[in-house]
């Protein structure tokens, strides 16, 4: 079995567990992204994950595990780094317009090459800047291991549309952060995310704007 076929089987098995269906061309694009990330990672140190199989689990499946929670047509991926979760989500949803935001020049160069290589230029944009400098309003915002919830919202809360959803990816249940949510925002839900093949805690915190009621305390 070729390495590519092994990766393909690993991705397909994970998608089945997540109850997701991607067509064959999209699966190949996801694997093309892993290939590109492997090539650039040696020089640019984009991720601590060096093994292609682990990238399928820790990057592709970890990102796609939140696909069902993405709403609307526009998404900003803040602190995108190597394009996670923004690029896997953009590949999986052809109707989604994505802004990948990162202030690191090397990472932004990789993101621009990934957008070109994966033929996403018509609906994926790279913003090489700090989150505070981004202009616009988005139906959905993602942030993966970016900062505390309070800092995320202080820097990028202005980007969330009135009925938009902020999808914050966390490891352990972030009770302290939930207790210190800034005014103007509320917790809609916290979901435990089970990523196939990943032996680690994952939680998705969904945040919305609050126009009157205070944020609720969420218990694990």
N, C-alpha and C. Protein backbone atom coordinates (compact mmCIF):
# COMPACT_ATOMS: atom_id res chain seq x y z
N UNK A 1 0.85 -1.20 0.00
CA UNK A 1 0.00 0.00 0.00
C UNK A 1 0.88 1.25 0.00
N UNK A 2 0.59 2.20 -0.88
CA UNK A 2 1.36 3.44 -0.93
C UNK A 2 1.05 4.29 0.29
N UNK A 3 1.97 5.22 0.59
CA UNK A 3 1.73 6.12 1.72
C UNK A 3 0.49 6.96 1.48
N UNK A 4 0.30 7.41 0.25
CA UNK A 4 -0.88 8.22 -0.08
C UNK A 4 -2.16 7.43 0.18
N UNK A 5 -2.17 6.15 -0.20
CA UNK A 5 -3.35 5.33 0.02
C UNK A 5 -3.60 5.12 1.50
N UNK A 6 -2.55 4.96 2.28
CA UNK A 6 -2.70 4.80 3.73
C UNK A 6 -3.31 6.05 4.34
N UNK A 7 -2.86 7.21 3.88
CA UNK A 7 -3.41 8.48 4.38
C UNK A 7 -4.87 8.63 3.96
N UNK A 8 -5.16 8.20 2.73
CA UNK A 8 -6.53 8.29 2.23
C UNK A 8 -7.46 7.42 3.08
N UNK A 9 -7.02 6.22 3.40
CA UNK A 9 -7.84 5.33 4.21
C UNK A 9 -8.02 5.88 5.63
N UNK A 10 -6.97 6.48 6.16
CA UNK A 10 -7.05 7.07 7.50
C UNK A 10 -8.04 8.22 7.54
N UNK A 11 -8.00 9.05 6.50
CA UNK A 11 -8.92 10.18 6.42
C UNK A 11 -10.35 9.69 6.23
N UNK A 12 -10.56 8.74 5.33
CA UNK A 12 -11.91 8.22 5.10
C UNK A 12 -12.49 7.59 6.37
N UNK A 13 -11.69 6.83 7.08
CA UNK A 13 -12.17 6.19 8.31
C UNK A 13 -12.56 7.24 9.34
N UNK A 14 -11.75 8.29 9.46
CA UNK A 14 -12.07 9.36 10.39
C UNK A 14 -13.34 10.10 10.01
N UNK A 15 -13.52 10.35 8.72
CA UNK A 15 -14.73 11.02 8.26
C UNK A 15 -15.97 10.19 8.54
N UNK A 16 -15.84 8.88 8.38
CA UNK A 16 -16.97 7.99 8.68
C UNK A 16 -17.35 8.08 10.15
N UNK A 17 -16.34 8.09 11.02
CA UNK A 17 -16.60 8.21 12.45
C UNK A 17 -17.27 9.54 12.78
N UNK A 18 -16.86 10.60 12.09
CA UNK A 18 -17.44 11.93 12.31
C UNK A 18 -18.79 12.09 11.61
N UNK A 19 -19.19 11.07 10.85
CA UNK A 19 -20.44 11.12 10.07
C UNK A 19 -20.41 12.25 9.04
N UNK A 20 -19.27 12.40 8.40
CA UNK A 20 -19.10 13.39 7.34
C UNK A 20 -18.86 12.68 6.03
N UNK A 21 -19.35 13.29 4.96
CA UNK A 21 -19.11 12.76 3.62
C UNK A 21 -18.44 13.82 2.77
N UNK A 22 -17.27 13.50 2.23
CA UNK A 22 -16.59 14.36 1.28
C UNK A 22 -16.40 13.58 -0.01
N UNK A 23 -16.56 14.23 -1.15
CA UNK A 23 -16.39 13.53 -2.42
C UNK A 23 -14.89 13.27 -2.67
N UNK A 24 -14.61 12.42 -3.64
CA UNK A 24 -13.22 12.01 -3.91
C UNK A 24 -12.30 13.19 -4.24
N UNK A 25 -12.71 14.14 -5.11
CA UNK A 25 -11.82 15.27 -5.38
C UNK A 25 -11.48 16.08 -4.13
N UNK A 26 -12.45 16.24 -3.22
CA UNK A 26 -12.20 17.01 -2.00
C UNK A 26 -11.25 16.27 -1.07
N UNK A 27 -11.39 14.96 -0.99
CA UNK A 27 -10.46 14.16 -0.18
C UNK A 27 -9.05 14.30 -0.74
N UNK A 28 -8.90 14.29 -2.06
CA UNK A 28 -7.57 14.45 -2.65
C UNK A 28 -7.01 15.84 -2.38
N UNK A 29 -7.86 16.87 -2.40
CA UNK A 29 -7.40 18.21 -2.06
C UNK A 29 -6.92 18.29 -0.61
N UNK A 30 -7.64 17.65 0.29
CA UNK A 30 -7.23 17.62 1.70
C UNK A 30 -5.84 16.99 1.82
N UNK A 31 -5.60 15.91 1.10
CA UNK A 31 -4.30 15.24 1.15
C UNK A 31 -3.23 16.06 0.44
N UNK A 32 -3.60 16.79 -0.60
CA UNK A 32 -2.65 17.70 -1.25
C UNK A 32 -2.18 18.77 -0.27
N UNK A 33 -3.10 19.22 0.55
CA UNK A 33 -2.76 20.21 1.58
C UNK A 33 -1.74 19.63 2.56
N UNK A 34 -1.94 18.39 2.98
CA UNK A 34 -0.98 17.73 3.87
C UNK A 34 0.39 17.62 3.19
N UNK A 35 0.41 17.25 1.91
CA UNK A 35 1.67 17.15 1.16
C UNK A 35 2.40 18.50 1.16
N UNK A 36 1.66 19.55 0.88
CA UNK A 36 2.25 20.89 0.82
C UNK A 36 2.78 21.29 2.20
N UNK A 37 2.01 21.01 3.23
CA UNK A 37 2.42 21.34 4.59
C UNK A 37 3.69 20.60 4.98
N UNK A 38 3.80 19.35 4.59
CA UNK A 38 5.01 18.57 4.87
C UNK A 38 6.22 19.19 4.21
N UNK A 39 6.08 19.61 2.95
CA UNK A 39 7.21 20.17 2.22
C UNK A 39 7.68 21.49 2.82
N UNK A 40 6.74 22.34 3.16
CA UNK A 40 7.09 23.65 3.70
C UNK A 40 7.52 23.59 5.16
N UNK A 41 7.06 22.59 5.87
CA UNK A 41 7.30 22.55 7.30
C UNK A 41 8.78 22.39 7.65
N UNK A 42 9.53 21.71 6.79
CA UNK A 42 10.95 21.50 7.06
C UNK A 42 11.70 22.81 7.18
N UNK A 43 11.35 23.78 6.35
CA UNK A 43 12.06 25.07 6.36
C UNK A 43 11.36 26.14 7.19
N UNK A 44 10.04 26.07 7.26
CA UNK A 44 9.27 27.16 7.87
C UNK A 44 8.78 26.85 9.28
N UNK A 45 8.90 25.58 9.71
CA UNK A 45 8.48 25.19 11.06
C UNK A 45 7.05 25.66 11.35
N UNK A 46 6.12 25.28 10.49
CA UNK A 46 4.74 25.71 10.60
C UNK A 46 3.97 24.97 11.68
N UNK A 47 4.37 23.73 11.95
CA UNK A 47 3.68 22.90 12.93
C UNK A 47 4.67 21.94 13.57
N UNK A 48 4.42 21.59 14.83
CA UNK A 48 5.29 20.63 15.51
C UNK A 48 5.03 19.20 15.05
N UNK A 49 3.94 18.99 14.34
CA UNK A 49 3.61 17.65 13.83
C UNK A 49 4.41 17.41 12.55
N UNK A 50 5.18 16.33 12.54
CA UNK A 50 6.07 16.05 11.40
C UNK A 50 5.63 14.87 10.56
N UNK A 51 4.77 14.02 11.11
CA UNK A 51 4.35 12.81 10.43
C UNK A 51 3.05 13.05 9.66
N UNK A 52 3.00 12.56 8.41
CA UNK A 52 1.83 12.81 7.57
C UNK A 52 0.57 12.19 8.16
N UNK A 53 0.69 10.99 8.70
CA UNK A 53 -0.49 10.36 9.30
C UNK A 53 -1.02 11.14 10.49
N UNK A 54 -0.11 11.65 11.30
CA UNK A 54 -0.53 12.47 12.43
C UNK A 54 -1.15 13.78 11.96
N UNK A 55 -0.68 14.30 10.83
CA UNK A 55 -1.29 15.52 10.29
C UNK A 55 -2.73 15.27 9.88
N UNK A 56 -3.00 14.09 9.32
CA UNK A 56 -4.38 13.75 8.97
C UNK A 56 -5.26 13.79 10.22
N UNK A 57 -4.76 13.22 11.32
CA UNK A 57 -5.54 13.19 12.56
C UNK A 57 -5.58 14.55 13.24
N UNK A 58 -4.41 15.11 13.51
CA UNK A 58 -4.31 16.31 14.35
C UNK A 58 -4.66 17.60 13.63
N UNK A 59 -4.59 17.58 12.31
CA UNK A 59 -4.90 18.80 11.55
C UNK A 59 -6.19 18.67 10.75
N UNK A 60 -6.29 17.66 9.90
CA UNK A 60 -7.49 17.55 9.07
C UNK A 60 -8.71 17.16 9.89
N UNK A 61 -8.65 16.03 10.57
CA UNK A 61 -9.83 15.56 11.30
C UNK A 61 -10.15 16.48 12.48
N UNK A 62 -9.14 17.01 13.13
CA UNK A 62 -9.37 17.94 14.24
C UNK A 62 -10.11 19.18 13.76
N UNK A 63 -9.80 19.63 12.56
CA UNK A 63 -10.49 20.79 11.98
C UNK A 63 -11.89 20.43 11.50
N UNK A 64 -12.00 19.31 10.79
CA UNK A 64 -13.28 18.92 10.21
C UNK A 64 -14.30 18.49 11.26
N UNK A 65 -13.83 18.20 12.47
CA UNK A 65 -14.75 17.81 13.54
C UNK A 65 -15.73 18.92 13.90
N UNK A 66 -15.43 20.17 13.51
CA UNK A 66 -16.35 21.28 13.82
C UNK A 66 -17.14 21.72 12.59
N UNK A 67 -17.01 21.01 11.48
CA UNK A 67 -17.67 21.43 10.24
C UNK A 67 -19.17 21.62 10.41
N UNK A 68 -19.82 20.76 11.17
CA UNK A 68 -21.27 20.83 11.34
C UNK A 68 -21.72 22.09 12.08
N UNK A 69 -20.80 22.73 12.78
CA UNK A 69 -21.15 23.92 13.57
C UNK A 69 -20.90 25.22 12.81
N UNK A 70 -20.31 25.12 11.63
CA UNK A 70 -20.04 26.32 10.82
C UNK A 70 -21.34 26.75 10.15
N UNK A 71 -21.71 28.02 10.34
CA UNK A 71 -22.94 28.55 9.76
C UNK A 71 -22.62 29.78 8.92
N UNK A 72 -23.53 30.11 8.00
CA UNK A 72 -23.34 31.29 7.17
C UNK A 72 -22.39 31.03 6.01
N UNK A 73 -22.06 32.12 5.30
CA UNK A 73 -21.24 32.01 4.10
C UNK A 73 -19.84 32.59 4.24
N UNK A 74 -19.58 33.27 5.37
CA UNK A 74 -18.27 33.90 5.54
C UNK A 74 -17.66 33.49 6.86
N UNK A 75 -16.35 33.22 6.83
CA UNK A 75 -15.64 32.76 8.02
C UNK A 75 -14.28 33.43 8.11
N UNK A 76 -13.92 33.90 9.28
CA UNK A 76 -12.58 34.41 9.55
C UNK A 76 -11.87 33.44 10.47
N UNK A 77 -10.70 33.00 10.06
CA UNK A 77 -9.89 32.09 10.88
C UNK A 77 -8.76 32.90 11.48
N UNK A 78 -8.86 33.22 12.76
CA UNK A 78 -7.93 34.12 13.43
C UNK A 78 -6.74 33.36 13.99
N UNK A 79 -5.54 33.91 13.80
CA UNK A 79 -4.35 33.20 14.21
C UNK A 79 -4.23 31.89 13.45
N UNK A 80 -4.44 31.96 12.15
CA UNK A 80 -4.62 30.76 11.33
C UNK A 80 -3.38 29.87 11.29
N UNK A 81 -2.20 30.44 11.45
CA UNK A 81 -0.97 29.64 11.44
C UNK A 81 -0.75 28.95 10.11
N UNK A 82 -0.85 27.63 10.10
CA UNK A 82 -0.68 26.87 8.87
C UNK A 82 -2.00 26.71 8.11
N UNK A 83 -3.03 27.44 8.56
CA UNK A 83 -4.32 27.38 7.86
C UNK A 83 -5.33 26.49 8.54
N UNK A 84 -5.21 26.39 9.85
CA UNK A 84 -6.07 25.47 10.61
C UNK A 84 -6.94 26.21 11.61
N UNK A 85 -8.23 25.99 11.57
CA UNK A 85 -8.96 25.01 10.75
C UNK A 85 -9.45 25.55 9.40
N UNK A 86 -9.08 26.78 9.05
CA UNK A 86 -9.68 27.45 7.91
C UNK A 86 -9.58 26.73 6.58
N UNK A 87 -8.39 26.20 6.24
CA UNK A 87 -8.23 25.56 4.94
C UNK A 87 -9.01 24.25 4.84
N UNK A 88 -8.92 23.33 5.79
CA UNK A 88 -9.75 22.12 5.68
C UNK A 88 -11.25 22.44 5.62
N UNK A 89 -11.69 23.46 6.35
CA UNK A 89 -13.11 23.83 6.31
C UNK A 89 -13.48 24.41 4.95
N UNK A 90 -12.61 25.24 4.39
CA UNK A 90 -12.87 25.82 3.07
C UNK A 90 -12.94 24.74 2.00
N UNK A 91 -12.04 23.77 2.08
CA UNK A 91 -12.06 22.67 1.11
C UNK A 91 -13.33 21.84 1.23
N UNK A 92 -13.80 21.66 2.46
CA UNK A 92 -14.97 20.81 2.70
C UNK A 92 -16.29 21.50 2.36
N UNK A 93 -16.30 22.84 2.36
CA UNK A 93 -17.54 23.59 2.10
C UNK A 93 -17.31 24.57 0.95
N UNK A 94 -17.68 24.21 -0.27
CA UNK A 94 -17.40 25.05 -1.44
C UNK A 94 -18.17 26.36 -1.47
N UNK A 95 -19.13 26.53 -0.57
CA UNK A 95 -19.89 27.79 -0.52
C UNK A 95 -19.32 28.78 0.50
N UNK A 96 -18.26 28.37 1.19
CA UNK A 96 -17.73 29.18 2.28
C UNK A 96 -16.62 30.10 1.79
N UNK A 97 -16.74 31.39 2.12
CA UNK A 97 -15.69 32.37 1.84
C UNK A 97 -14.90 32.60 3.12
N UNK A 98 -13.57 32.43 3.04
CA UNK A 98 -12.74 32.37 4.23
C UNK A 98 -11.64 33.42 4.20
N UNK A 99 -11.44 34.10 5.33
CA UNK A 99 -10.28 34.98 5.53
C UNK A 99 -9.35 34.28 6.51
N UNK A 100 -8.12 34.02 6.07
CA UNK A 100 -7.10 33.43 6.93
C UNK A 100 -6.25 34.56 7.46
N UNK A 101 -6.22 34.75 8.77
CA UNK A 101 -5.56 35.90 9.38
C UNK A 101 -4.36 35.45 10.21
N UNK A 102 -3.17 35.95 9.87
CA UNK A 102 -1.98 35.68 10.67
C UNK A 102 -0.97 36.79 10.43
N UNK A 103 -0.34 37.26 11.50
CA UNK A 103 0.61 38.36 11.39
C UNK A 103 2.03 37.89 11.11
N UNK A 104 2.28 36.56 11.19
CA UNK A 104 3.61 36.02 10.96
C UNK A 104 3.88 35.93 9.46
N UNK A 105 4.94 36.57 9.00
CA UNK A 105 5.23 36.63 7.57
C UNK A 105 5.46 35.28 6.93
N UNK A 106 6.20 34.39 7.57
CA UNK A 106 6.46 33.07 7.01
C UNK A 106 5.16 32.27 6.87
N UNK A 107 4.34 32.33 7.90
CA UNK A 107 3.08 31.60 7.85
C UNK A 107 2.16 32.18 6.79
N UNK A 108 2.14 33.49 6.66
CA UNK A 108 1.30 34.13 5.64
C UNK A 108 1.76 33.74 4.24
N UNK A 109 3.07 33.62 4.04
CA UNK A 109 3.57 33.20 2.73
C UNK A 109 3.12 31.78 2.42
N UNK A 110 3.18 30.91 3.41
CA UNK A 110 2.68 29.55 3.19
C UNK A 110 1.19 29.56 2.88
N UNK A 111 0.43 30.36 3.61
CA UNK A 111 -1.01 30.41 3.38
C UNK A 111 -1.33 30.86 1.96
N UNK A 112 -0.60 31.87 1.47
CA UNK A 112 -0.84 32.34 0.10
C UNK A 112 -0.51 31.25 -0.92
N UNK A 113 0.57 30.51 -0.67
CA UNK A 113 0.92 29.41 -1.58
C UNK A 113 -0.12 28.29 -1.52
N UNK A 114 -0.62 28.00 -0.32
CA UNK A 114 -1.64 26.96 -0.17
C UNK A 114 -2.91 27.36 -0.92
N UNK A 115 -3.31 28.61 -0.82
CA UNK A 115 -4.50 29.09 -1.52
C UNK A 115 -4.31 28.94 -3.03
N UNK A 116 -3.13 29.30 -3.52
CA UNK A 116 -2.85 29.17 -4.96
C UNK A 116 -2.81 27.69 -5.38
N UNK A 117 -2.06 26.89 -4.62
CA UNK A 117 -1.85 25.48 -4.97
C UNK A 117 -3.16 24.69 -4.94
N UNK A 118 -4.04 25.02 -4.01
CA UNK A 118 -5.30 24.28 -3.85
C UNK A 118 -6.44 24.90 -4.65
N UNK A 119 -6.14 25.92 -5.43
CA UNK A 119 -7.11 26.59 -6.31
C UNK A 119 -8.31 27.14 -5.52
N UNK A 120 -7.97 27.89 -4.47
CA UNK A 120 -9.00 28.47 -3.60
C UNK A 120 -9.07 29.99 -3.71
N UNK A 121 -8.34 30.56 -4.65
CA UNK A 121 -8.19 32.02 -4.68
C UNK A 121 -9.50 32.76 -4.89
N UNK A 122 -10.51 32.11 -5.44
CA UNK A 122 -11.77 32.78 -5.70
C UNK A 122 -12.59 33.01 -4.44
N UNK A 123 -12.23 32.31 -3.34
CA UNK A 123 -13.04 32.46 -2.13
C UNK A 123 -12.27 32.38 -0.82
N UNK A 124 -10.94 32.33 -0.90
CA UNK A 124 -10.12 32.34 0.31
C UNK A 124 -9.09 33.46 0.20
N UNK A 125 -9.04 34.29 1.22
CA UNK A 125 -8.13 35.44 1.24
C UNK A 125 -7.20 35.33 2.44
N UNK A 126 -5.97 35.77 2.26
CA UNK A 126 -4.99 35.78 3.35
C UNK A 126 -4.76 37.22 3.80
N UNK A 127 -4.97 37.48 5.09
CA UNK A 127 -4.70 38.79 5.67
C UNK A 127 -3.47 38.68 6.57
N UNK A 128 -2.35 39.27 6.12
CA UNK A 128 -1.13 39.27 6.93
C UNK A 128 -1.15 40.49 7.83
N UNK A 129 -1.77 40.35 8.98
CA UNK A 129 -1.91 41.48 9.89
C UNK A 129 -2.34 40.98 11.26
N UNK A 130 -2.32 41.88 12.23
CA UNK A 130 -2.84 41.55 13.55
C UNK A 130 -4.37 41.49 13.49
N UNK A 131 -4.95 40.71 14.38
CA UNK A 131 -6.40 40.55 14.38
C UNK A 131 -7.12 41.88 14.52
N UNK A 132 -6.57 42.78 15.33
CA UNK A 132 -7.23 44.08 15.57
C UNK A 132 -7.36 44.90 14.30
N UNK A 133 -6.52 44.63 13.30
CA UNK A 133 -6.51 45.42 12.08
C UNK A 133 -7.44 44.89 11.00
N UNK A 134 -8.02 43.74 11.22
CA UNK A 134 -8.91 43.15 10.21
C UNK A 134 -10.19 43.97 10.13
N UNK A 135 -10.66 44.16 8.91
CA UNK A 135 -11.88 44.93 8.66
C UNK A 135 -12.94 43.98 8.09
N UNK A 136 -14.14 44.12 8.56
CA UNK A 136 -15.23 43.31 8.01
C UNK A 136 -16.09 42.72 9.10
N UNK A 137 -17.05 41.95 8.65
CA UNK A 137 -17.99 41.29 9.55
C UNK A 137 -18.21 39.88 9.01
N UNK A 138 -18.22 38.90 9.90
CA UNK A 138 -18.24 37.51 9.47
C UNK A 138 -19.34 36.72 10.17
N UNK A 139 -19.94 35.80 9.40
CA UNK A 139 -20.99 34.95 9.97
C UNK A 139 -20.42 33.98 10.99
N UNK A 140 -19.17 33.61 10.81
CA UNK A 140 -18.53 32.63 11.68
C UNK A 140 -17.07 33.01 11.87
N UNK A 141 -16.57 32.83 13.08
CA UNK A 141 -15.16 33.08 13.38
C UNK A 141 -14.61 31.85 14.07
N UNK A 142 -13.43 31.39 13.62
CA UNK A 142 -12.77 30.27 14.26
C UNK A 142 -11.44 30.73 14.84
N UNK A 143 -11.05 30.09 15.92
CA UNK A 143 -9.75 30.36 16.54
C UNK A 143 -9.31 29.07 17.23
N UNK A 144 -8.14 28.60 16.88
CA UNK A 144 -7.66 27.31 17.38
C UNK A 144 -6.40 27.55 18.20
N UNK A 145 -6.49 27.36 19.52
CA UNK A 145 -5.35 27.56 20.42
C UNK A 145 -4.73 28.94 20.21
N UNK A 146 -5.57 29.92 20.11
CA UNK A 146 -5.13 31.28 19.75
C UNK A 146 -4.84 32.12 20.99
N UNK A 147 -5.74 32.14 21.94
CA UNK A 147 -5.59 32.96 23.15
C UNK A 147 -6.73 32.60 24.09
N UNK A 148 -6.81 33.28 25.23
CA UNK A 148 -7.97 33.09 26.10
C UNK A 148 -9.21 33.65 25.42
N UNK A 149 -10.38 33.20 25.86
CA UNK A 149 -11.62 33.71 25.28
C UNK A 149 -11.72 35.23 25.45
N UNK A 150 -11.33 35.74 26.62
CA UNK A 150 -11.41 37.18 26.87
C UNK A 150 -10.52 37.94 25.90
N UNK A 151 -9.30 37.45 25.68
CA UNK A 151 -8.39 38.14 24.75
C UNK A 151 -8.88 38.02 23.31
N UNK A 152 -9.35 36.84 22.94
CA UNK A 152 -9.88 36.66 21.58
C UNK A 152 -10.95 37.69 21.27
N UNK A 153 -11.89 37.82 22.19
CA UNK A 153 -13.03 38.72 21.97
C UNK A 153 -12.62 40.18 22.05
N UNK A 154 -11.64 40.49 22.88
CA UNK A 154 -11.15 41.86 22.96
C UNK A 154 -10.49 42.28 21.65
N UNK A 155 -9.74 41.37 21.05
CA UNK A 155 -9.03 41.68 19.81
C UNK A 155 -9.91 41.55 18.57
N UNK A 156 -10.81 40.56 18.55
CA UNK A 156 -11.54 40.29 17.32
C UNK A 156 -13.04 40.28 17.43
N UNK A 157 -13.58 40.65 18.60
CA UNK A 157 -15.02 40.61 18.77
C UNK A 157 -15.77 41.50 17.80
N UNK A 158 -15.12 42.58 17.33
CA UNK A 158 -15.76 43.51 16.39
C UNK A 158 -16.05 42.86 15.04
N UNK A 159 -15.44 41.71 14.78
CA UNK A 159 -15.60 41.05 13.49
C UNK A 159 -16.83 40.13 13.44
N UNK A 160 -17.41 39.86 14.59
CA UNK A 160 -18.53 38.91 14.64
C UNK A 160 -19.84 39.60 14.25
N UNK A 161 -20.51 39.05 13.24
CA UNK A 161 -21.80 39.60 12.81
C UNK A 161 -22.82 39.50 13.93
N UNK A 162 -23.88 40.28 13.83
CA UNK A 162 -24.89 40.35 14.89
C UNK A 162 -25.43 38.98 15.25
N UNK A 163 -25.67 38.13 14.27
CA UNK A 163 -26.19 36.78 14.52
C UNK A 163 -25.13 35.72 14.28
N UNK A 164 -23.87 36.15 14.28
CA UNK A 164 -22.78 35.23 13.98
C UNK A 164 -22.42 34.32 15.14
N UNK A 165 -21.55 33.35 14.86
CA UNK A 165 -21.10 32.38 15.87
C UNK A 165 -19.57 32.39 15.92
N UNK A 166 -19.05 32.51 17.12
CA UNK A 166 -17.61 32.38 17.35
C UNK A 166 -17.35 30.94 17.81
N UNK A 167 -16.51 30.23 17.05
CA UNK A 167 -16.19 28.84 17.37
C UNK A 167 -14.77 28.79 17.91
N UNK A 168 -14.65 28.69 19.23
CA UNK A 168 -13.35 28.66 19.88
C UNK A 168 -12.98 27.22 20.21
N UNK A 169 -11.87 26.77 19.67
CA UNK A 169 -11.41 25.40 19.90
C UNK A 169 -10.48 25.36 21.09
N UNK A 170 -10.84 24.55 22.07
CA UNK A 170 -10.07 24.45 23.31
C UNK A 170 -9.73 23.00 23.60
N UNK A 171 -8.76 22.80 24.49
CA UNK A 171 -8.43 21.45 24.94
C UNK A 171 -9.33 21.06 26.09
N UNK A 172 -8.85 21.24 27.30
CA UNK A 172 -9.67 20.92 28.48
C UNK A 172 -10.83 21.90 28.62
N UNK A 173 -11.84 21.49 29.36
CA UNK A 173 -13.01 22.35 29.59
C UNK A 173 -12.56 23.65 30.24
N UNK A 174 -12.77 24.80 29.59
CA UNK A 174 -12.17 26.06 30.03
C UNK A 174 -13.07 26.85 31.00
N UNK A 175 -13.36 26.26 32.18
CA UNK A 175 -14.31 26.89 33.09
C UNK A 175 -13.90 28.31 33.49
N UNK A 176 -12.63 28.52 33.81
CA UNK A 176 -12.18 29.85 34.21
C UNK A 176 -12.44 30.89 33.11
N UNK A 177 -12.18 30.49 31.88
CA UNK A 177 -12.40 31.41 30.76
C UNK A 177 -13.88 31.69 30.56
N UNK A 178 -14.71 30.68 30.74
CA UNK A 178 -16.15 30.87 30.60
C UNK A 178 -16.67 31.82 31.68
N UNK A 179 -16.09 31.73 32.87
CA UNK A 179 -16.53 32.59 33.97
C UNK A 179 -16.12 34.04 33.77
N UNK A 180 -15.16 34.28 32.89
CA UNK A 180 -14.64 35.64 32.70
C UNK A 180 -14.89 36.17 31.30
N UNK A 181 -15.99 35.75 30.71
CA UNK A 181 -16.36 36.24 29.39
C UNK A 181 -16.67 37.73 29.47
N UNK A 182 -16.16 38.54 28.55
CA UNK A 182 -16.42 39.98 28.63
C UNK A 182 -17.87 40.34 28.31
N UNK A 183 -18.32 41.51 28.76
CA UNK A 183 -19.69 41.95 28.46
C UNK A 183 -19.92 42.02 26.95
N UNK A 184 -21.17 41.79 26.59
CA UNK A 184 -21.53 41.87 25.18
C UNK A 184 -21.53 40.54 24.46
N UNK A 185 -21.11 39.48 25.18
CA UNK A 185 -21.07 38.15 24.57
C UNK A 185 -21.67 37.13 25.53
N UNK A 186 -22.16 36.03 24.97
CA UNK A 186 -22.74 34.97 25.78
C UNK A 186 -22.33 33.62 25.20
N UNK A 187 -22.33 32.62 26.07
CA UNK A 187 -22.05 31.25 25.64
C UNK A 187 -23.33 30.62 25.11
N UNK A 188 -23.30 30.19 23.87
CA UNK A 188 -24.45 29.46 23.32
C UNK A 188 -24.38 27.99 23.72
N UNK A 189 -23.19 27.41 23.66
CA UNK A 189 -23.04 25.99 24.00
C UNK A 189 -21.56 25.66 24.12
N UNK A 190 -21.28 24.58 24.83
CA UNK A 190 -19.94 23.99 24.86
C UNK A 190 -20.09 22.52 24.52
N UNK A 191 -19.38 22.08 23.49
CA UNK A 191 -19.47 20.69 23.05
C UNK A 191 -18.13 19.99 23.24
N UNK A 192 -18.19 18.79 23.76
CA UNK A 192 -16.99 17.95 23.77
C UNK A 192 -16.84 17.35 22.38
N UNK A 193 -15.68 17.50 21.80
CA UNK A 193 -15.42 17.02 20.44
C UNK A 193 -14.52 15.79 20.51
N UNK A 194 -14.98 14.70 19.94
CA UNK A 194 -14.18 13.47 19.88
C UNK A 194 -13.57 13.36 18.49
N UNK A 195 -12.26 13.58 18.42
CA UNK A 195 -11.54 13.51 17.15
C UNK A 195 -11.03 12.09 16.95
N UNK A 196 -11.41 11.41 15.87
CA UNK A 196 -10.97 10.03 15.64
C UNK A 196 -9.45 9.90 15.65
N UNK A 197 -8.95 8.99 16.49
CA UNK A 197 -7.53 8.74 16.54
C UNK A 197 -6.75 9.66 17.46
N UNK A 198 -7.42 10.62 18.07
CA UNK A 198 -6.73 11.59 18.92
C UNK A 198 -7.05 11.32 20.39
N UNK A 199 -6.03 11.00 21.15
CA UNK A 199 -6.22 10.71 22.57
C UNK A 199 -5.95 11.98 23.38
N UNK A 200 -6.83 12.93 23.25
CA UNK A 200 -6.69 14.20 23.96
C UNK A 200 -8.06 14.86 24.05
N UNK A 201 -8.24 15.67 25.08
CA UNK A 201 -9.51 16.38 25.24
C UNK A 201 -9.64 17.49 24.21
N UNK A 202 -10.84 17.65 23.70
CA UNK A 202 -11.15 18.75 22.80
C UNK A 202 -12.54 19.28 23.16
N UNK A 203 -12.67 20.58 23.25
CA UNK A 203 -13.97 21.21 23.49
C UNK A 203 -14.15 22.36 22.50
N UNK A 204 -15.36 22.50 22.04
CA UNK A 204 -15.73 23.61 21.17
C UNK A 204 -16.65 24.54 21.94
N UNK A 205 -16.23 25.79 22.10
CA UNK A 205 -17.04 26.80 22.78
C UNK A 205 -17.69 27.67 21.71
N UNK A 206 -19.01 27.73 21.72
CA UNK A 206 -19.74 28.55 20.75
C UNK A 206 -20.22 29.82 21.46
N UNK A 207 -19.81 30.96 20.93
CA UNK A 207 -20.11 32.25 21.53
C UNK A 207 -20.92 33.09 20.56
N UNK A 208 -21.90 33.80 21.09
CA UNK A 208 -22.69 34.73 20.28
C UNK A 208 -22.72 36.10 20.96
N UNK A 209 -23.19 37.07 20.23
CA UNK A 209 -23.36 38.40 20.83
C UNK A 209 -24.52 38.38 21.82
N UNK A 210 -24.40 39.17 22.88
CA UNK A 210 -25.46 39.28 23.87
C UNK A 210 -25.95 40.72 23.88
N UNK A 211 -27.24 40.89 23.67
CA UNK A 211 -27.78 42.25 23.60
C UNK A 211 -28.52 42.66 24.86
N UNK A 212 -28.72 41.69 25.78
CA UNK A 212 -29.42 42.04 27.02
C UNK A 212 -29.04 41.11 28.15
N UNK A 213 -29.25 39.80 27.93
CA UNK A 213 -29.07 38.85 29.01
C UNK A 213 -27.60 38.64 29.30
N UNK A 214 -27.23 38.39 30.56
CA UNK A 214 -25.84 38.11 30.91
C UNK A 214 -25.43 36.72 30.45
N UNK A 215 -24.11 36.49 30.40
CA UNK A 215 -23.60 35.18 30.02
C UNK A 215 -23.96 34.16 31.08
N UNK A 216 -24.34 32.98 30.66
CA UNK A 216 -24.69 31.90 31.58
C UNK A 216 -23.45 31.12 31.99
N UNK A 217 -23.48 30.59 33.19
CA UNK A 217 -22.39 29.72 33.62
C UNK A 217 -22.63 28.33 33.04
N UNK A 218 -21.61 27.80 32.37
CA UNK A 218 -21.72 26.50 31.75
C UNK A 218 -20.98 25.49 32.61
N UNK A 219 -21.65 24.41 32.94
CA UNK A 219 -21.02 23.37 33.74
C UNK A 219 -20.63 22.19 32.87
N UNK A 220 -19.52 21.55 33.17
CA UNK A 220 -19.09 20.40 32.34
C UNK A 220 -20.04 19.22 32.49
